Amino acid sequence: MPFTRNLKSILVRFGLVAAVGAAPVALMAGDVSSGGGPLIEAQAAEQFDDATIEAFAAAQARVEEVRSEYAAQYQAAQTEEQRLEINQTATVEMTEAVRDTPDITIEEYSAIIDAANRDPAFAERVNEAISETQL
C-alpha cells in the first residue's frame, strides 16, 4: 500500500518515529500486524474526523518537503556520523513541521500512522486526503 510503504520509508530513514512517540515504533521494527482485530481497527479509524485527516494530510505534505530537502544530503553523506547528523536535523524539522500544522497534534499524527498501518480501509481514506492535498 503506498501510504504504508512511503511513510514507513520516510519515518525509518529520518527517525521521525522516535520523535513522534511510541505508537509507531512498531514501524521501525517492521511489526505492522493488526493484533487487535476488526473491532479495534474500526474504533481506531472512527476516532479521526475529516478535519483531523485533512490536517494530517497537510502535515504529511510538510514532512515530505523536509524529507525531500534532506534525502539527497543523506544519500551523499560519506560517514555514519554525517548521516546521523542529517537524520537528527531532519527529525527535528519534521517534528516542527507537524507541530506547526494547525488542527493536529504530534500524538494525533502518530495515532493516524498507527491506525493506517492496521486498517487498510482507513489507510485508503488517509491516502485520498493526501492526494487531495497534493493537487
N, C-alpha and C. Protein backbone atom coordinates (compact mmCIF):
# COMPACT_ATOMS: atom_id res chain seq x y z
N MET A 1 0.85 -1.18 0.00
CA MET A 1 0.00 0.00 0.00
C MET A 1 0.89 1.24 0.00
N PRO A 2 0.65 2.22 -0.86
CA PRO A 2 1.53 3.38 -0.98
C PRO A 2 1.72 4.13 0.33
N PHE A 3 0.65 4.33 1.07
CA PHE A 3 0.76 5.10 2.31
C PHE A 3 1.75 4.43 3.25
N THR A 4 1.55 3.17 3.49
CA THR A 4 2.39 2.45 4.43
C THR A 4 3.83 2.42 3.96
N ARG A 5 4.06 2.10 2.73
CA ARG A 5 5.42 1.98 2.21
C ARG A 5 6.12 3.34 2.23
N ASN A 6 5.48 4.37 1.72
CA ASN A 6 6.11 5.68 1.66
C ASN A 6 6.37 6.26 3.04
N LEU A 7 5.38 6.20 3.90
CA LEU A 7 5.53 6.77 5.22
C LEU A 7 6.54 5.98 6.03
N LYS A 8 6.50 4.68 5.90
CA LYS A 8 7.46 3.82 6.60
C LYS A 8 8.88 4.20 6.19
N SER A 9 9.09 4.40 4.90
CA SER A 9 10.40 4.78 4.39
C SER A 9 10.84 6.12 4.96
N ILE A 10 9.94 7.07 4.97
CA ILE A 10 10.24 8.40 5.50
C ILE A 10 10.60 8.31 6.97
N LEU A 11 9.75 7.63 7.73
CA LEU A 11 9.96 7.59 9.17
C LEU A 11 11.22 6.83 9.55
N VAL A 12 11.45 5.72 8.92
CA VAL A 12 12.63 4.94 9.25
C VAL A 12 13.90 5.67 8.84
N ARG A 13 13.91 6.22 7.65
CA ARG A 13 15.11 6.90 7.17
C ARG A 13 15.48 8.08 8.04
N PHE A 14 14.51 8.87 8.45
CA PHE A 14 14.83 10.10 9.16
C PHE A 14 14.52 10.07 10.64
N GLY A 15 14.12 8.94 11.17
CA GLY A 15 13.99 8.82 12.60
C GLY A 15 12.80 9.52 13.21
N LEU A 16 11.83 9.93 12.41
CA LEU A 16 10.68 10.62 12.97
C LEU A 16 9.91 9.73 13.92
N VAL A 17 10.03 8.44 13.75
CA VAL A 17 9.34 7.51 14.62
C VAL A 17 9.63 7.83 16.07
N ALA A 18 10.88 7.99 16.41
CA ALA A 18 11.25 8.27 17.79
C ALA A 18 10.76 9.64 18.23
N ALA A 19 10.68 10.57 17.30
CA ALA A 19 10.31 11.93 17.65
C ALA A 19 8.82 12.09 17.92
N VAL A 20 7.99 11.27 17.31
CA VAL A 20 6.56 11.47 17.48
C VAL A 20 5.95 10.59 18.55
N GLY A 21 6.70 9.76 19.17
CA GLY A 21 6.17 8.98 20.27
C GLY A 21 6.25 7.49 20.04
N ALA A 22 5.73 6.76 20.99
CA ALA A 22 5.89 5.31 20.99
C ALA A 22 4.96 4.58 20.04
N ALA A 23 3.84 5.15 19.68
CA ALA A 23 2.85 4.40 18.89
C ALA A 23 3.41 3.82 17.60
N PRO A 24 4.14 4.59 16.79
CA PRO A 24 4.60 4.00 15.54
C PRO A 24 5.96 3.30 15.63
N VAL A 25 6.46 3.09 16.84
CA VAL A 25 7.76 2.43 16.96
C VAL A 25 7.73 1.07 16.29
N ALA A 26 6.59 0.41 16.28
CA ALA A 26 6.48 -0.89 15.62
C ALA A 26 6.86 -0.80 14.15
N LEU A 27 6.69 0.35 13.54
CA LEU A 27 7.07 0.52 12.14
C LEU A 27 8.56 0.28 11.94
N MET A 28 9.37 0.79 12.85
CA MET A 28 10.81 0.62 12.72
C MET A 28 11.19 -0.84 12.81
N ALA A 29 10.50 -1.58 13.66
CA ALA A 29 10.81 -2.99 13.84
C ALA A 29 10.16 -3.84 12.76
N GLY A 30 9.33 -3.20 11.93
CA GLY A 30 8.66 -3.94 10.87
C GLY A 30 7.41 -4.64 11.36
N ASP A 31 6.94 -4.35 12.55
CA ASP A 31 5.76 -5.01 13.10
C ASP A 31 4.55 -4.14 12.84
N VAL A 32 3.83 -4.44 11.79
CA VAL A 32 2.63 -3.68 11.47
C VAL A 32 1.41 -4.59 11.51
N SER A 33 1.49 -5.63 12.34
CA SER A 33 0.36 -6.54 12.45
C SER A 33 -0.80 -5.84 13.14
N SER A 34 -2.00 -6.27 12.83
CA SER A 34 -3.17 -5.62 13.38
C SER A 34 -3.33 -5.93 14.85
N GLY A 35 -3.19 -7.16 15.25
CA GLY A 35 -3.22 -7.52 16.65
C GLY A 35 -4.52 -7.31 17.36
N GLY A 36 -5.32 -6.32 17.00
CA GLY A 36 -6.50 -6.01 17.77
C GLY A 36 -7.79 -6.49 17.16
N GLY A 37 -7.76 -6.96 15.96
CA GLY A 37 -8.98 -7.42 15.33
C GLY A 37 -9.76 -6.28 14.72
N PRO A 38 -10.82 -6.62 13.97
CA PRO A 38 -11.58 -5.62 13.23
C PRO A 38 -12.26 -4.59 14.11
N LEU A 39 -12.74 -4.98 15.29
CA LEU A 39 -13.44 -4.03 16.15
C LEU A 39 -12.50 -2.92 16.60
N ILE A 40 -11.31 -3.28 17.04
CA ILE A 40 -10.35 -2.26 17.47
C ILE A 40 -9.93 -1.40 16.30
N GLU A 41 -9.73 -2.00 15.13
CA GLU A 41 -9.36 -1.22 13.95
C GLU A 41 -10.44 -0.21 13.61
N ALA A 42 -11.69 -0.63 13.65
CA ALA A 42 -12.80 0.27 13.34
C ALA A 42 -12.85 1.40 14.36
N GLN A 43 -12.67 1.08 15.63
CA GLN A 43 -12.69 2.12 16.65
C GLN A 43 -11.55 3.11 16.44
N ALA A 44 -10.37 2.61 16.11
CA ALA A 44 -9.22 3.49 15.91
C ALA A 44 -9.47 4.45 14.75
N ALA A 45 -9.98 3.92 13.65
CA ALA A 45 -10.22 4.76 12.48
C ALA A 45 -11.35 5.75 12.72
N GLU A 46 -12.35 5.35 13.49
CA GLU A 46 -13.50 6.23 13.73
C GLU A 46 -13.17 7.41 14.63
N GLN A 47 -12.08 7.34 15.37
CA GLN A 47 -11.76 8.43 16.28
C GLN A 47 -11.27 9.68 15.55
N PHE A 48 -11.00 9.58 14.25
CA PHE A 48 -10.48 10.71 13.50
C PHE A 48 -11.54 11.26 12.56
N ASP A 49 -11.90 12.52 12.77
CA ASP A 49 -12.87 13.15 11.87
C ASP A 49 -12.16 13.64 10.61
N ASP A 50 -12.95 14.10 9.66
CA ASP A 50 -12.39 14.55 8.38
C ASP A 50 -11.40 15.70 8.55
N ALA A 51 -11.69 16.61 9.48
CA ALA A 51 -10.79 17.75 9.70
C ALA A 51 -9.42 17.29 10.19
N THR A 52 -9.41 16.28 11.04
CA THR A 52 -8.14 15.77 11.55
C THR A 52 -7.37 15.05 10.45
N ILE A 53 -8.10 14.31 9.61
CA ILE A 53 -7.45 13.62 8.49
C ILE A 53 -6.88 14.65 7.51
N GLU A 54 -7.61 15.72 7.26
CA GLU A 54 -7.12 16.78 6.37
C GLU A 54 -5.88 17.46 6.97
N ALA A 55 -5.91 17.67 8.29
CA ALA A 55 -4.75 18.26 8.96
C ALA A 55 -3.55 17.32 8.87
N PHE A 56 -3.82 16.02 9.01
CA PHE A 56 -2.75 15.03 8.86
C PHE A 56 -2.14 15.13 7.46
N ALA A 57 -2.99 15.22 6.45
CA ALA A 57 -2.50 15.30 5.07
C ALA A 57 -1.64 16.55 4.88
N ALA A 58 -2.06 17.66 5.47
CA ALA A 58 -1.26 18.88 5.38
C ALA A 58 0.08 18.70 6.09
N ALA A 59 0.05 18.08 7.26
CA ALA A 59 1.29 17.83 8.00
C ALA A 59 2.20 16.89 7.21
N GLN A 60 1.59 15.87 6.63
CA GLN A 60 2.37 14.90 5.84
C GLN A 60 3.03 15.59 4.65
N ALA A 61 2.34 16.54 4.04
CA ALA A 61 2.94 17.28 2.92
C ALA A 61 4.16 18.06 3.40
N ARG A 62 4.06 18.64 4.58
CA ARG A 62 5.20 19.38 5.14
C ARG A 62 6.35 18.44 5.48
N VAL A 63 6.01 17.28 6.04
CA VAL A 63 7.03 16.28 6.37
C VAL A 63 7.73 15.83 5.09
N GLU A 64 6.96 15.62 4.04
CA GLU A 64 7.53 15.18 2.77
C GLU A 64 8.46 16.25 2.19
N GLU A 65 8.12 17.52 2.36
CA GLU A 65 9.00 18.60 1.90
C GLU A 65 10.35 18.53 2.61
N VAL A 66 10.30 18.33 3.92
CA VAL A 66 11.53 18.22 4.70
C VAL A 66 12.31 16.99 4.27
N ARG A 67 11.61 15.87 4.11
CA ARG A 67 12.27 14.63 3.68
C ARG A 67 12.97 14.83 2.35
N SER A 68 12.28 15.46 1.42
CA SER A 68 12.87 15.71 0.10
C SER A 68 14.11 16.60 0.20
N GLU A 69 14.02 17.58 1.06
CA GLU A 69 15.13 18.50 1.25
C GLU A 69 16.39 17.78 1.75
N TYR A 70 16.22 16.81 2.61
CA TYR A 70 17.37 16.13 3.21
C TYR A 70 17.74 14.81 2.56
N ALA A 71 16.92 14.26 1.71
CA ALA A 71 17.17 12.94 1.13
C ALA A 71 18.50 12.88 0.37
N ALA A 72 18.75 13.86 -0.48
CA ALA A 72 19.99 13.85 -1.26
C ALA A 72 21.21 14.00 -0.35
N GLN A 73 21.08 14.86 0.64
CA GLN A 73 22.19 15.04 1.59
C GLN A 73 22.47 13.73 2.33
N TYR A 74 21.41 13.06 2.72
CA TYR A 74 21.55 11.80 3.46
C TYR A 74 22.25 10.76 2.59
N GLN A 75 21.82 10.64 1.35
CA GLN A 75 22.42 9.66 0.45
C GLN A 75 23.87 10.00 0.11
N ALA A 76 24.19 11.27 0.06
CA ALA A 76 25.54 11.69 -0.29
C ALA A 76 26.50 11.68 0.89
N ALA A 77 25.97 11.53 2.09
CA ALA A 77 26.82 11.55 3.28
C ALA A 77 27.88 10.46 3.18
N GLN A 78 29.09 10.81 3.55
CA GLN A 78 30.23 9.90 3.44
C GLN A 78 30.41 9.01 4.67
N THR A 79 29.95 9.49 5.82
CA THR A 79 30.17 8.75 7.05
C THR A 79 28.86 8.54 7.80
N GLU A 80 28.89 7.58 8.69
CA GLU A 80 27.72 7.34 9.54
C GLU A 80 27.45 8.55 10.42
N GLU A 81 28.49 9.22 10.85
CA GLU A 81 28.34 10.42 11.67
C GLU A 81 27.58 11.51 10.91
N GLN A 82 27.92 11.69 9.63
CA GLN A 82 27.21 12.67 8.81
C GLN A 82 25.75 12.28 8.64
N ARG A 83 25.50 11.00 8.38
CA ARG A 83 24.12 10.53 8.22
C ARG A 83 23.33 10.75 9.51
N LEU A 84 23.95 10.48 10.64
CA LEU A 84 23.28 10.68 11.93
C LEU A 84 22.94 12.15 12.14
N GLU A 85 23.88 13.03 11.81
CA GLU A 85 23.63 14.46 11.96
C GLU A 85 22.49 14.93 11.05
N ILE A 86 22.50 14.48 9.81
CA ILE A 86 21.43 14.82 8.87
C ILE A 86 20.10 14.27 9.37
N ASN A 87 20.12 13.04 9.85
CA ASN A 87 18.92 12.41 10.39
C ASN A 87 18.36 13.21 11.55
N GLN A 88 19.22 13.62 12.47
CA GLN A 88 18.77 14.38 13.63
C GLN A 88 18.18 15.73 13.22
N THR A 89 18.84 16.41 12.32
CA THR A 89 18.34 17.70 11.85
C THR A 89 17.00 17.54 11.15
N ALA A 90 16.90 16.55 10.27
CA ALA A 90 15.65 16.30 9.56
C ALA A 90 14.53 15.92 10.52
N THR A 91 14.86 15.11 11.52
CA THR A 91 13.85 14.70 12.50
C THR A 91 13.29 15.89 13.25
N VAL A 92 14.16 16.79 13.67
CA VAL A 92 13.72 17.99 14.36
C VAL A 92 12.81 18.82 13.45
N GLU A 93 13.22 19.00 12.21
CA GLU A 93 12.42 19.80 11.28
C GLU A 93 11.09 19.13 10.95
N MET A 94 11.09 17.81 10.81
CA MET A 94 9.83 17.10 10.55
C MET A 94 8.89 17.23 11.73
N THR A 95 9.43 17.09 12.92
CA THR A 95 8.62 17.23 14.12
C THR A 95 8.04 18.63 14.21
N GLU A 96 8.85 19.63 13.94
CA GLU A 96 8.37 21.02 13.94
C GLU A 96 7.31 21.22 12.86
N ALA A 97 7.49 20.60 11.72
CA ALA A 97 6.50 20.72 10.63
C ALA A 97 5.15 20.20 11.08
N VAL A 98 5.15 19.07 11.76
CA VAL A 98 3.88 18.52 12.26
C VAL A 98 3.33 19.43 13.35
N ARG A 99 4.18 19.82 14.27
CA ARG A 99 3.75 20.66 15.40
C ARG A 99 3.18 22.00 14.91
N ASP A 100 3.73 22.54 13.83
CA ASP A 100 3.29 23.83 13.31
C ASP A 100 2.06 23.74 12.41
N THR A 101 1.60 22.54 12.13
CA THR A 101 0.41 22.37 11.31
C THR A 101 -0.82 22.56 12.18
N PRO A 102 -1.73 23.45 11.78
CA PRO A 102 -2.94 23.68 12.58
C PRO A 102 -3.81 22.43 12.66
N ASP A 103 -4.51 22.30 13.76
CA ASP A 103 -5.56 21.30 13.96
C ASP A 103 -5.08 19.87 14.08
N ILE A 104 -3.80 19.66 14.38
CA ILE A 104 -3.31 18.30 14.63
C ILE A 104 -2.14 18.38 15.61
N THR A 105 -2.10 17.40 16.50
CA THR A 105 -1.00 17.30 17.44
C THR A 105 -0.04 16.20 16.99
N ILE A 106 1.12 16.18 17.58
CA ILE A 106 2.08 15.11 17.31
C ILE A 106 1.44 13.76 17.65
N GLU A 107 0.71 13.71 18.76
CA GLU A 107 0.09 12.46 19.19
C GLU A 107 -0.96 11.99 18.19
N GLU A 108 -1.76 12.92 17.67
CA GLU A 108 -2.77 12.55 16.66
C GLU A 108 -2.10 12.08 15.37
N TYR A 109 -1.05 12.77 14.97
CA TYR A 109 -0.30 12.39 13.77
C TYR A 109 0.21 10.96 13.92
N SER A 110 0.80 10.69 15.05
CA SER A 110 1.32 9.35 15.33
C SER A 110 0.21 8.31 15.36
N ALA A 111 -0.91 8.64 15.98
CA ALA A 111 -2.03 7.70 16.08
C ALA A 111 -2.62 7.41 14.70
N ILE A 112 -2.65 8.39 13.82
CA ILE A 112 -3.16 8.17 12.47
C ILE A 112 -2.23 7.22 11.71
N ILE A 113 -0.93 7.40 11.86
CA ILE A 113 0.02 6.48 11.23
C ILE A 113 -0.24 5.06 11.72
N ASP A 114 -0.37 4.92 13.02
CA ASP A 114 -0.59 3.60 13.62
C ASP A 114 -1.89 2.99 13.10
N ALA A 115 -2.97 3.77 13.10
CA ALA A 115 -4.27 3.25 12.64
C ALA A 115 -4.23 2.89 11.16
N ALA A 116 -3.56 3.70 10.36
CA ALA A 116 -3.48 3.43 8.92
C ALA A 116 -2.69 2.16 8.64
N ASN A 117 -1.72 1.87 9.46
CA ASN A 117 -0.95 0.65 9.27
C ASN A 117 -1.71 -0.59 9.72
N ARG A 118 -2.72 -0.43 10.53
CA ARG A 118 -3.53 -1.57 10.98
C ARG A 118 -4.78 -1.77 10.14
N ASP A 119 -5.26 -0.71 9.51
CA ASP A 119 -6.57 -0.76 8.85
C ASP A 119 -6.44 -0.28 7.40
N PRO A 120 -6.46 -1.21 6.44
CA PRO A 120 -6.31 -0.83 5.03
C PRO A 120 -7.37 0.16 4.54
N ALA A 121 -8.60 0.03 5.01
CA ALA A 121 -9.65 0.96 4.58
C ALA A 121 -9.35 2.37 5.09
N PHE A 122 -8.89 2.46 6.32
CA PHE A 122 -8.53 3.76 6.88
C PHE A 122 -7.32 4.33 6.14
N ALA A 123 -6.35 3.48 5.82
CA ALA A 123 -5.18 3.93 5.07
C ALA A 123 -5.60 4.52 3.73
N GLU A 124 -6.58 3.91 3.10
CA GLU A 124 -7.08 4.42 1.82
C GLU A 124 -7.71 5.80 2.01
N ARG A 125 -8.44 5.97 3.09
CA ARG A 125 -9.06 7.27 3.41
C ARG A 125 -7.96 8.33 3.59
N VAL A 126 -6.91 7.95 4.29
CA VAL A 126 -5.79 8.88 4.51
C VAL A 126 -5.08 9.17 3.19
N ASN A 127 -4.86 8.14 2.38
CA ASN A 127 -4.23 8.34 1.07
C ASN A 127 -5.03 9.31 0.20
N GLU A 128 -6.34 9.19 0.24
CA GLU A 128 -7.19 10.11 -0.54
C GLU A 128 -6.99 11.54 -0.08
N ALA A 129 -6.94 11.74 1.23
CA ALA A 129 -6.73 13.09 1.75
C ALA A 129 -5.36 13.63 1.35
N ILE A 130 -4.36 12.77 1.38
CA ILE A 130 -3.01 13.18 0.97
C ILE A 130 -3.01 13.54 -0.52
N SER A 131 -3.67 12.74 -1.33
CA SER A 131 -3.74 13.02 -2.77
C SER A 131 -4.43 14.35 -3.04
N GLU A 132 -5.50 14.63 -2.31
CA GLU A 132 -6.22 15.89 -2.49
C GLU A 132 -5.36 17.07 -2.08
N THR A 133 -4.53 16.90 -1.08
CA THR A 133 -3.64 17.96 -0.62
C THR A 133 -2.59 18.28 -1.67
N GLN A 134 -2.18 17.27 -2.42
CA GLN A 134 -1.13 17.44 -3.43
C GLN A 134 -1.65 18.08 -4.71
N LEU A 135 -2.94 18.20 -4.88
CA LEU A 135 -3.49 18.78 -6.11
C LEU A 135 -3.28 20.26 -6.20
